[in-house]
C-alpha atoms as a PDB file:
ATOM      1  CA  MET A   1      28.116 -18.712-123.269  1.00  0.00           C
ATOM      2  CA  LYS A   2      30.627 -19.086-120.416  1.00  0.00           C
ATOM      3  CA  SER A   3      33.499 -19.458-122.900  1.00  0.00           C
ATOM      4  CA  PHE A   4      32.405 -16.248-124.587  1.00  0.00           C
ATOM      5  CA  LEU A   5      33.077 -14.101-121.515  1.00  0.00           C
ATOM      6  CA  PRO A   6      36.900 -14.581-121.461  1.00  0.00           C
ATOM      7  CA  PHE A   7      36.869 -13.811-125.180  1.00  0.00           C
ATOM      8  CA  LEU A   8      35.109 -10.515-124.480  1.00  0.00           C
ATOM      9  CA  LEU A   9      37.663  -9.654-121.799  1.00  0.00           C
ATOM     10  CA  ILE A  10      40.559 -10.317-124.174  1.00  0.00           C
ATOM     11  CA  ILE A  11      38.933  -8.082-126.789  1.00  0.00           C
ATOM     12  CA  ALA A  12      38.401  -5.377-124.173  1.00  0.00           C
ATOM     13  CA  ILE A  13      42.046  -5.498-123.058  1.00  0.00           C
ATOM     14  CA  LEU A  14      43.257  -5.269-126.648  1.00  0.00           C
ATOM     15  CA  SER A  15      40.863  -2.401-127.285  1.00  0.00           C
ATOM     16  CA  ALA A  16      42.233  -0.489-124.294  1.00  0.00           C
ATOM     17  CA  CYS A  17      45.635  -0.610-125.940  1.00  0.00           C
ATOM     18  CA  THR A  18      44.383   1.166-129.052  1.00  0.00           C
ATOM     19  CA  SER A  19      46.415   4.138-130.246  1.00  0.00           C
ATOM     20  CA  GLN A  20      45.591   7.488-128.702  1.00  0.00           C
ATOM     21  CA  GLU A  21      45.776   9.022-132.193  1.00  0.00           C
ATOM     22  CA  ALA A  22      42.548   7.417-133.359  1.00  0.00           C
ATOM     23  CA  GLU A  23      41.215   8.717-136.661  1.00  0.00           C
ATOM     24  CA  ILE A  24      37.521   9.175-137.358  1.00  0.00           C
ATOM     25  CA  ASP A  25      36.241   5.737-138.262  1.00  0.00           C
ATOM     26  CA  PRO A  26      32.478   5.130-137.843  1.00  0.00           C
ATOM     27  CA  ALA A  27      32.843   1.412-138.550  1.00  0.00           C
ATOM     28  CA  GLN A  28      35.434   1.024-135.790  1.00  0.00           C
ATOM     29  CA  SER A  29      33.240   3.134-133.523  1.00  0.00           C
ATOM     30  CA  GLN A  30      30.387   0.676-134.060  1.00  0.00           C
ATOM     31  CA  VAL A  31      32.654  -2.249-133.147  1.00  0.00           C
ATOM     32  CA  HIS A  32      33.530  -0.633-129.807  1.00  0.00           C
ATOM     33  CA  TYR A  33      29.916   0.358-129.229  1.00  0.00           C
ATOM     34  CA  ASP A  34      28.713  -3.222-129.743  1.00  0.00           C
ATOM     35  CA  LEU A  35      31.411  -4.529-127.422  1.00  0.00           C
ATOM     36  CA  GLY A  36      30.414  -1.952-124.803  1.00  0.00           C
ATOM     37  CA  ILE A  37      26.848  -3.261-124.937  1.00  0.00           C
ATOM     38  CA  GLU A  38      28.038  -6.866-124.546  1.00  0.00           C
ATOM     39  CA  LEU A  39      30.271  -6.032-121.592  1.00  0.00           C
ATOM     40  CA  ALA A  40      27.480  -4.118-119.855  1.00  0.00           C
ATOM     41  CA  GLN A  41      25.257  -7.203-120.119  1.00  0.00           C
ATOM     42  CA  TYR A  42      27.897  -9.080-118.108  1.00  0.00           C
ATOM     43  CA  SER A  43      27.996  -6.229-115.520  1.00  0.00           C
ATOM     44  CA  LEU A  44      31.582  -5.400-116.575  1.00  0.00           C
ATOM     45  CA  TYR A  45      30.816  -1.724-116.277  1.00  0.00           C
ATOM     46  CA  GLN A  46      34.333  -0.277-116.244  1.00  0.00           C
ATOM     47  CA  ASN A  47      35.254  -2.223-119.365  1.00  0.00           C
ATOM     48  CA  SER A  48      31.994  -1.167-120.929  1.00  0.00           C
ATOM     49  CA  LEU A  49      32.720   2.504-120.191  1.00  0.00           C
ATOM     50  CA  GLU A  50      36.133   2.155-121.836  1.00  0.00           C
ATOM     51  CA  GLU A  51      34.562   0.708-124.977  1.00  0.00           C
ATOM     52  CA  PHE A  52      31.965   3.474-125.196  1.00  0.00           C
ATOM     53  CA  ALA A  53      34.768   6.026-124.755  1.00  0.00           C
ATOM     54  CA  LEU A  54      36.586   4.439-127.702  1.00  0.00           C
ATOM     55  CA  ALA A  55      33.374   4.442-129.722  1.00  0.00           C
ATOM     56  CA  ILE A  56      33.144   8.192-129.112  1.00  0.00           C
ATOM     57  CA  LYS A  57      36.822   8.699-129.913  1.00  0.00           C
ATOM     58  CA  TYR A  58      36.459   6.982-133.295  1.00  0.00           C
ATOM     59  CA  ASP A  59      33.240   8.876-134.012  1.00  0.00           C
ATOM     60  CA  PRO A  60      32.517  11.969-131.882  1.00  0.00           C
ATOM     61  CA  SER A  61      29.079  12.161-133.495  1.00  0.00           C
ATOM     62  CA  ASN A  62      28.031   8.702-132.253  1.00  0.00           C
ATOM     63  CA  VAL A  63      24.968   9.818-130.313  1.00  0.00           C
ATOM     64  CA  LYS A  64      24.015   6.404-129.020  1.00  0.00           C
ATOM     65  CA  ALA A  65      27.498   5.868-127.531  1.00  0.00           C
ATOM     66  CA  TYR A  66      27.155   9.042-125.424  1.00  0.00           C
ATOM     67  CA  ARG A  67      23.728   7.944-124.190  1.00  0.00           C
ATOM     68  CA  LYS A  68      24.721   4.369-123.383  1.00  0.00           C
ATOM     69  CA  LYS A  69      27.835   5.595-121.588  1.00  0.00           C
ATOM     70  CA  GLY A  70      25.592   7.939-119.634  1.00  0.00           C
ATOM     71  CA  LEU A  71      23.304   5.059-118.697  1.00  0.00           C
ATOM     72  CA  ILE A  72      26.232   3.124-117.241  1.00  0.00           C
ATOM     73  CA  HIS A  73      27.301   6.117-115.153  1.00  0.00           C
ATOM     74  CA  PHE A  74      23.679   6.611-114.065  1.00  0.00           C
ATOM     75  CA  GLY A  75      23.382   2.958-113.097  1.00  0.00           C
ATOM     76  CA  ILE A  76      26.422   3.221-110.807  1.00  0.00           C
ATOM     77  CA  LYS A  77      25.108   6.529-109.412  1.00  0.00           C
ATOM     78  CA  GLN A  78      27.740   8.773-110.999  1.00  0.00           C
ATOM     79  CA  TYR A  79      25.080  11.351-111.719  1.00  0.00           C
ATOM     80  CA  ASP A  80      27.295  14.295-112.697  1.00  0.00           C
ATOM     81  CA  LYS A  81      29.073  12.262-115.374  1.00  0.00           C
ATOM     82  CA  ALA A  82      25.765  10.854-116.602  1.00  0.00           C
ATOM     83  CA  GLU A  83      24.285  14.337-116.768  1.00  0.00           C
ATOM     84  CA  LYS A  84      27.065  15.656-119.019  1.00  0.00           C
ATOM     85  CA  LEU A  85      26.737  12.696-121.372  1.00  0.00           C
ATOM     86  CA  PHE A  86      22.963  13.030-121.668  1.00  0.00           C
ATOM     87  CA  GLU A  87      23.367  16.764-122.294  1.00  0.00           C
ATOM     88  CA  LYS A  88      25.839  15.926-125.060  1.00  0.00           C
ATOM     89  CA  THR A  89      23.356  13.428-126.488  1.00  0.00           C
ATOM     90  CA  ILE A  90      20.706  16.142-126.681  1.00  0.00           C
ATOM     91  CA  ALA A  91      23.164  18.691-128.095  1.00  0.00           C
ATOM     92  CA  LEU A  92      23.970  16.292-130.943  1.00  0.00           C
ATOM     93  CA  ASP A  93      20.360  15.195-131.396  1.00  0.00           C
ATOM     94  CA  PRO A  94      17.832  17.687-129.950  1.00  0.00           C
ATOM     95  CA  LYS A  95      14.939  15.345-130.794  1.00  0.00           C
ATOM     96  CA  ASN A  96      16.408  12.354-128.963  1.00  0.00           C
ATOM     97  CA  VAL A  97      13.441  11.312-126.826  1.00  0.00           C
ATOM     98  CA  GLN A  98      15.375   8.890-124.651  1.00  0.00           C
ATOM     99  CA  GLY A  99      18.118  11.456-124.053  1.00  0.00           C
ATOM    100  CA  HIS A 100      15.573  13.860-122.551  1.00  0.00           C
ATOM    101  CA  ILE A 101      13.994  11.073-120.488  1.00  0.00           C
ATOM    102  CA  ASN A 102      17.411   9.962-119.202  1.00  0.00           C
ATOM    103  CA  LEU A 103      18.466  13.508-118.339  1.00  0.00           C
ATOM    104  CA  GLY A 104      15.173  13.873-116.491  1.00  0.00           C
ATOM    105  CA  MET A 105      16.018  10.782-114.448  1.00  0.00           C
ATOM    106  CA  VAL A 106      19.349  12.353-113.476  1.00  0.00           C
ATOM    107  CA  LYS A 107      17.620  15.579-112.424  1.00  0.00           C
ATOM    108  CA  TYR A 108      15.079  13.577-110.414  1.00  0.00           C
ATOM    109  CA  SER A 109      17.829  11.554-108.741  1.00  0.00           C
ATOM    110  CA  LYS A 110      19.622  14.777-107.815  1.00  0.00           C
ATOM    111  CA  GLY A 111      16.436  16.161-106.266  1.00  0.00           C
ATOM    112  CA  ASP A 112      15.357  18.562-109.015  1.00  0.00           C
ATOM    113  CA  LYS A 113      11.852  17.248-109.689  1.00  0.00           C
ATOM    114  CA  THR A 114      10.727  20.458-111.419  1.00  0.00           C
ATOM    115  CA  GLU A 115      13.423  20.239-114.076  1.00  0.00           C
ATOM    116  CA  ALA A 116      12.874  16.491-114.403  1.00  0.00           C
ATOM    117  CA  LYS A 117       9.191  17.058-115.148  1.00  0.00           C
ATOM    118  CA  LYS A 118      10.024  19.718-117.761  1.00  0.00           C
ATOM    119  CA  LEU A 119      12.366  17.321-119.538  1.00  0.00           C
ATOM    120  CA  TRP A 120       9.808  14.509-119.534  1.00  0.00           C
ATOM    121  CA  GLU A 121       7.100  16.853-120.820  1.00  0.00           C
ATOM    122  CA  HIS A 122       9.462  17.957-123.572  1.00  0.00           C
ATOM    123  CA  ALA A 123      10.123  14.302-124.453  1.00  0.00           C
ATOM    124  CA  ILE A 124       6.363  13.790-124.817  1.00  0.00           C
ATOM    125  CA  ASN A 125       6.094  16.852-127.063  1.00  0.00           C
ATOM    126  CA  ILE A 126       8.849  15.465-129.282  1.00  0.00           C
ATOM    127  CA  LYS A 127       7.025  12.160-129.732  1.00  0.00           C
ATOM    128  CA  SER A 128       3.701  11.851-127.955  1.00  0.00           C
ATOM    129  CA  ASN A 129       3.075   8.314-129.232  1.00  0.00           C
ATOM    130  CA  ASP A 130       6.406   6.906-128.081  1.00  0.00           C
ATOM    131  CA  SER A 131       5.765   3.201-127.407  1.00  0.00           C
ATOM    132  CA  ASP A 132       8.361   3.324-124.608  1.00  0.00           C
ATOM    133  CA  SER A 133       6.099   5.642-122.556  1.00  0.00           C
ATOM    134  CA  LYS A 134       8.678   6.216-119.798  1.00  0.00           C
ATOM    135  CA  ALA A 135       7.980   9.960-119.807  1.00  0.00           C
ATOM    136  CA  PHE A 136       4.253   9.470-119.136  1.00  0.00           C
ATOM    137  CA  ASN A 137       5.018   6.923-116.422  1.00  0.00           C
ATOM    138  CA  ASN A 138       7.638   9.138-114.765  1.00  0.00           C
ATOM    139  CA  ILE A 139       5.331  12.164-114.660  1.00  0.00           C
ATOM    140  CA  ALA A 140       2.606   9.938-113.205  1.00  0.00           C
ATOM    141  CA  ASN A 141       5.053   8.829-110.512  1.00  0.00           C
ATOM    142  CA  LEU A 142       5.623  12.476-109.568  1.00  0.00           C
ATOM    143  CA  HIS A 143       1.887  13.069-109.223  1.00  0.00           C
ATOM    144  CA  LYS A 144       1.576   9.884-107.170  1.00  0.00           C
ATOM    145  CA  GLU A 145       4.309  11.111-104.799  1.00  0.00           C
ATOM    146  CA  GLU A 146       2.352  14.353-104.395  1.00  0.00           C
ATOM    147  CA  LYS A 147      -0.834  12.298-103.735  1.00  0.00           C
ATOM    148  CA  ASN A 148      -2.430  13.937-106.772  1.00  0.00           C
ATOM    149  CA  TYR A 149      -4.046  10.645-107.710  1.00  0.00           C
ATOM    150  CA  ASP A 150      -6.358  11.972-110.430  1.00  0.00           C
ATOM    151  CA  LYS A 151      -3.407  13.373-112.380  1.00  0.00           C
ATOM    152  CA  ALA A 152      -1.405  10.219-111.700  1.00  0.00           C
ATOM    153  CA  ILE A 153      -4.219   8.089-113.147  1.00  0.00           C
ATOM    154  CA  GLU A 154      -4.408  10.361-116.189  1.00  0.00           C
ATOM    155  CA  TYR A 155      -0.711   9.931-116.971  1.00  0.00           C
ATOM    156  CA  TYR A 156      -0.548   6.225-116.130  1.00  0.00           C
ATOM    157  CA  LYS A 157      -3.437   5.676-118.550  1.00  0.00           C
ATOM    158  CA  LEU A 158      -1.465   7.520-121.235  1.00  0.00           C
ATOM    159  CA  ALA A 159       1.522   5.296-120.488  1.00  0.00           C
ATOM    160  CA  VAL A 160      -0.628   2.163-120.742  1.00  0.00           C
ATOM    161  CA  ASN A 161      -2.257   3.361-123.976  1.00  0.00           C
ATOM    162  CA  ASN A 162       1.158   3.795-125.584  1.00  0.00           C
ATOM    163  CA  GLY A 163       2.663   0.666-124.010  1.00  0.00           C
ATOM    164  CA  PRO A 164      -0.298  -1.698-123.530  1.00  0.00           C
ATOM    165  CA  LYS A 165       1.908  -4.753-122.897  1.00  0.00           C
ATOM    166  CA  ASN A 166       4.053  -3.109-120.232  1.00  0.00           C
ATOM    167  CA  THR A 167       2.910  -4.676-116.967  1.00  0.00           C
ATOM    168  CA  MET A 168       4.775  -2.126-114.858  1.00  0.00           C
ATOM    169  CA  TYR A 169       2.592   0.681-116.224  1.00  0.00           C
ATOM    170  CA  ILE A 170      -0.578  -1.378-115.661  1.00  0.00           C
ATOM    171  CA  ASN A 171       0.501  -2.229-112.106  1.00  0.00           C
ATOM    172  CA  ASN A 172       1.281   1.434-111.381  1.00  0.00           C
ATOM    173  CA  LEU A 173      -2.177   2.428-112.611  1.00  0.00           C
ATOM    174  CA  ALA A 174      -3.757  -0.268-110.460  1.00  0.00           C
ATOM    175  CA  ASP A 175      -1.856   0.839-107.366  1.00  0.00           C
ATOM    176  CA  VAL A 176      -3.132   4.410-107.689  1.00  0.00           C
ATOM    177  CA  PHE A 177      -6.694   3.157-108.076  1.00  0.00           C
ATOM    178  CA  ARG A 178      -6.187   1.261-104.809  1.00  0.00           C
ATOM    179  CA  LEU A 179      -4.685   4.294-103.058  1.00  0.00           C
ATOM    180  CA  LYS A 180      -7.636   6.356-104.283  1.00  0.00           C
ATOM    181  CA  GLY A 181      -9.997   3.903-102.605  1.00  0.00           C
ATOM    182  CA  LYS A 182     -11.021   2.016-105.753  1.00  0.00           C
ATOM    183  CA  PRO A 183      -9.730  -1.525-105.133  1.00  0.00           C
ATOM    184  CA  ARG A 184     -12.175  -3.094-107.629  1.00  0.00           C
ATOM    185  CA  GLN A 185     -10.673  -1.058-110.458  1.00  0.00           C
ATOM    186  CA  ALA A 186      -7.229  -1.966-109.163  1.00  0.00           C
ATOM    187  CA  ILE A 187      -8.096  -5.676-109.314  1.00  0.00           C
ATOM    188  CA  GLU A 188      -9.491  -5.322-112.835  1.00  0.00           C
ATOM    189  CA  ASN A 189      -6.192  -3.863-114.056  1.00  0.00           C
ATOM    190  CA  LEU A 190      -4.045  -6.335-112.118  1.00  0.00           C
ATOM    191  CA  LYS A 191      -5.868  -9.254-113.716  1.00  0.00           C
ATOM    192  CA  LYS A 192      -5.063  -7.747-117.130  1.00  0.00           C
ATOM    193  CA  SER A 193      -1.433  -7.553-116.053  1.00  0.00           C
ATOM    194  CA  LEU A 194      -1.413 -11.223-115.008  1.00  0.00           C
ATOM    195  CA  LYS A 195      -2.710 -12.242-118.434  1.00  0.00           C
ATOM    196  CA  LEU A 196       0.409 -10.637-119.897  1.00  0.00           C
ATOM    197  CA  ASN A 197       2.744 -12.040-117.236  1.00  0.00           C
ATOM    198  CA  PRO A 198       1.267 -14.752-114.979  1.00  0.00           C
ATOM    199  CA  GLN A 199       4.504 -14.849-112.962  1.00  0.00           C
ATOM    200  CA  GLY A 200       4.465 -11.168-112.080  1.00  0.00           C
ATOM    201  CA  MET A 201       5.563 -11.163-108.444  1.00  0.00           C
ATOM    202  CA  ALA A 202       4.655  -7.499-107.884  1.00  0.00           C
ATOM    203  CA  THR A 203       1.304  -7.995-109.608  1.00  0.00           C
ATOM    204  CA  HIS A 204       0.311 -10.827-107.278  1.00  0.00           C
ATOM    205  CA  PHE A 205       1.451  -8.768-104.286  1.00  0.00           C
ATOM    206  CA  ASN A 206      -0.562  -5.715-105.384  1.00  0.00           C
ATOM    207  CA  LEU A 207      -3.559  -7.971-105.975  1.00  0.00           C
ATOM    208  CA  GLY A 208      -3.201  -9.126-102.371  1.00  0.00           C
ATOM    209  CA  MET A 209      -3.194  -5.514-101.181  1.00  0.00           C
ATOM    210  CA  ALA A 210      -6.373  -4.752-103.123  1.00  0.00           C
ATOM    211  CA  TYR A 211      -8.186  -7.802-101.751  1.00  0.00           C
ATOM    212  CA  LYS A 212      -6.959  -6.908 -98.260  1.00  0.00           C
ATOM    213  CA  ASP A 213      -8.494  -3.431 -98.625  1.00  0.00           C
ATOM    214  CA  LEU A 214     -11.788  -5.120 -99.552  1.00  0.00           C
ATOM    215  CA  LYS A 215     -11.418  -7.389 -96.492  1.00  0.00           C
ATOM    216  CA  GLU A 216     -11.538 -10.397 -98.800  1.00  0.00           C
ATOM    217  CA  TYR A 217      -8.850 -11.963 -96.687  1.00  0.00           C
ATOM    218  CA  GLU A 218      -8.658 -15.475 -98.142  1.00  0.00           C
ATOM    219  CA  LYS A 219      -8.174 -14.095-101.638  1.00  0.00           C
ATOM    220  CA  ALA A 220      -5.596 -11.654-100.280  1.00  0.00           C
ATOM    221  CA  ILE A 221      -3.617 -14.424 -98.561  1.00  0.00           C
ATOM    222  CA  GLU A 222      -3.688 -16.541-101.720  1.00  0.00           C
ATOM    223  CA  ALA A 223      -2.393 -13.608-103.793  1.00  0.00           C
ATOM    224  CA  PHE A 224       0.407 -12.911-101.301  1.00  0.00           C
ATOM    225  CA  LYS A 225       1.353 -16.603-101.326  1.00  0.00           C
ATOM    226  CA  GLN A 226       1.464 -16.524-105.108  1.00  0.00           C
ATOM    227  CA  SER A 227       3.892 -13.596-104.949  1.00  0.00           C
ATOM    228  CA  LEU A 228       6.071 -15.620-102.572  1.00  0.00           C
ATOM    229  CA  LYS A 229       6.224 -18.467-105.107  1.00  0.00           C
ATOM    230  CA  PHE A 230       8.157 -16.158-107.401  1.00  0.00           C
ATOM    231  CA  ASN A 231      10.189 -14.492-104.643  1.00  0.00           C
ATOM    232  CA  SER A 232      10.350 -16.564-101.476  1.00  0.00           C
ATOM    233  CA  VAL A 233      12.091 -13.809 -99.473  1.00  0.00           C
ATOM    234  CA  LEU A 234       9.522 -11.107-100.235  1.00  0.00           C
ATOM    235  CA  THR A 235       9.333 -10.041 -96.599  1.00  0.00           C
ATOM    236  CA  GLU A 236       6.433  -7.645 -97.054  1.00  0.00           C
ATOM    237  CA  ALA A 237       4.190 -10.453 -98.291  1.00  0.00           C
ATOM    238  CA  HIS A 238       4.868 -12.437 -95.117  1.00  0.00           C
ATOM    239  CA  TYR A 239       4.111  -9.299 -93.084  1.00  0.00           C
ATOM    240  CA  GLN A 240       0.828  -8.646 -94.883  1.00  0.00           C
ATOM    241  CA  ILE A 241      -0.258 -12.262 -94.342  1.00  0.00           C
ATOM    242  CA  ALA A 242       0.645 -11.951 -90.659  1.00  0.00           C
ATOM    243  CA  GLN A 243      -1.500  -8.806 -90.389  1.00  0.00           C
ATOM    244  CA  ILE A 244      -4.517 -10.586 -91.867  1.00  0.00           C
ATOM    245  CA  GLN A 245      -4.041 -13.570 -89.572  1.00  0.00           C
ATOM    246  CA  PHE A 246      -3.781 -11.150 -86.645  1.00  0.00           C
ATOM    247  CA  PHE A 247      -7.116  -9.564 -87.660  1.00  0.00           C
ATOM    248  CA  GLN A 248      -8.567 -13.072 -87.760  1.00  0.00           C
ATOM    249  CA  LYS A 249      -7.146 -13.677 -84.243  1.00  0.00           C
ATOM    250  CA  ASN A 250      -5.137 -16.656 -85.496  1.00  0.00           C
ATOM    251  CA  GLN A 251      -2.120 -16.157 -83.250  1.00  0.00           C
ATOM    252  CA  GLU A 252      -0.177 -19.267 -84.231  1.00  0.00           C
ATOM    253  CA  ALA A 253      -0.454 -18.650 -87.963  1.00  0.00           C
ATOM    254  CA  ALA A 254       0.350 -14.948 -87.523  1.00  0.00           C
ATOM    255  CA  LEU A 255       3.478 -15.800 -85.526  1.00  0.00           C
ATOM    256  CA  ASN A 256       4.636 -18.236 -88.194  1.00  0.00           C
ATOM    257  CA  SER A 257       4.175 -15.607 -90.898  1.00  0.00           C
ATOM    258  CA  ILE A 258       5.878 -12.771 -89.041  1.00  0.00           C
ATOM    259  CA  ASP A 259       8.747 -15.094 -88.100  1.00  0.00           C
ATOM    260  CA  SER A 260       9.237 -15.788 -91.821  1.00  0.00           C
ATOM    261  CA  ALA A 261       9.403 -12.035 -92.424  1.00  0.00           C
ATOM    262  CA  ILE A 262      11.884 -11.537 -89.571  1.00  0.00           C
ATOM    263  CA  LYS A 263      14.031 -14.426 -90.787  1.00  0.00           C
ATOM    264  CA  ALA A 264      14.437 -12.646 -94.127  1.00  0.00           C
ATOM    265  CA  ALA A 265      14.833  -9.174 -92.547  1.00  0.00           C
ATOM    266  CA  PRO A 266      16.080  -9.651 -88.971  1.00  0.00           C
ATOM    267  CA  THR A 267      16.793  -5.949 -88.347  1.00  0.00           C
ATOM    268  CA  ASN A 268      13.329  -4.711 -89.336  1.00  0.00           C
ATOM    269  CA  LEU A 269      11.917  -3.024 -86.220  1.00  0.00           C
ATOM    270  CA  VAL A 270       8.373  -2.864 -87.607  1.00  0.00           C
ATOM    271  CA  TYR A 271       8.308  -6.637 -87.899  1.00  0.00           C
ATOM    272  CA  GLN A 272       9.759  -7.058 -84.414  1.00  0.00           C
ATOM    273  CA  GLU A 273       7.171  -4.723 -82.896  1.00  0.00           C
ATOM    274  CA  PHE A 274       4.347  -6.455 -84.738  1.00  0.00           C
ATOM    275  CA  ARG A 275       5.528  -9.814 -83.380  1.00  0.00           C
ATOM    276  CA  ASP A 276       5.209  -8.406 -79.852  1.00  0.00           C
ATOM    277  CA  LYS A 277       1.700  -7.241 -80.720  1.00  0.00           C
ATOM    278  CA  ILE A 278       0.761 -10.749 -81.921  1.00  0.00           C
ATOM    279  CA  LEU A 279       2.008 -12.221 -78.653  1.00  0.00           C
ATOM    280  CA  SER A 280      -0.361  -9.920 -76.793  1.00  0.00           C
ATOM    281  CA  LEU A 281      -3.410 -11.581 -78.400  1.00  0.00           C
END
């Protein structure tokens, strides 16, 4: 695979030298599109953008090239450029579900949550049984931000129904159950998530939070430790363990845990202040 990367770069350089007088050629457009995808996978975003631009030049009706180019711009936070490309995607294909979802993400990122929600609702109306379910999940996130947990649960459930193997949707649903004061229902969903992905770092962490809410501290600590197995510098897990140990008046253990959090995030004032609180035990 390592030897393939220089080959991709050579292809990209040769492609950049292509004549400016490109004729419409869908086959050639597909070649550049495929190369753009490959380059993006190697995080060679500028080269990838050039290939998508060539894909569009060879076939101005290549809808997927506009959308993928927009995704690259979105990923590097060039929201205005991404917005124009997603708008072009929709202009060429008004029923492009992902185009509407992506444009909604741009609007959300630029602070226009109302327009973002409209776009996601429109995406759902285009294809309500879309197995991707991003639109349902995104609308649920908006309701969660507004602390409208009932609506959030409604939309997360729709996301899970359409994407039952997507652990992110299941975890999001579980987190709202916990925030709504229903940790048992949160745990039930998190266990389903772990069956799909036993190494889910966020799932183990959220399970720890639910057990902590129930004051089942040993189970909470075990869940937080499991999350640390998959991400040893997950500072929040160390902090949550330290809080539990503080509640249990185990000063030495709490200090060890908060020191682990501080080691990973030395500028975090919350951790520093909590360490002082532990010392006061």
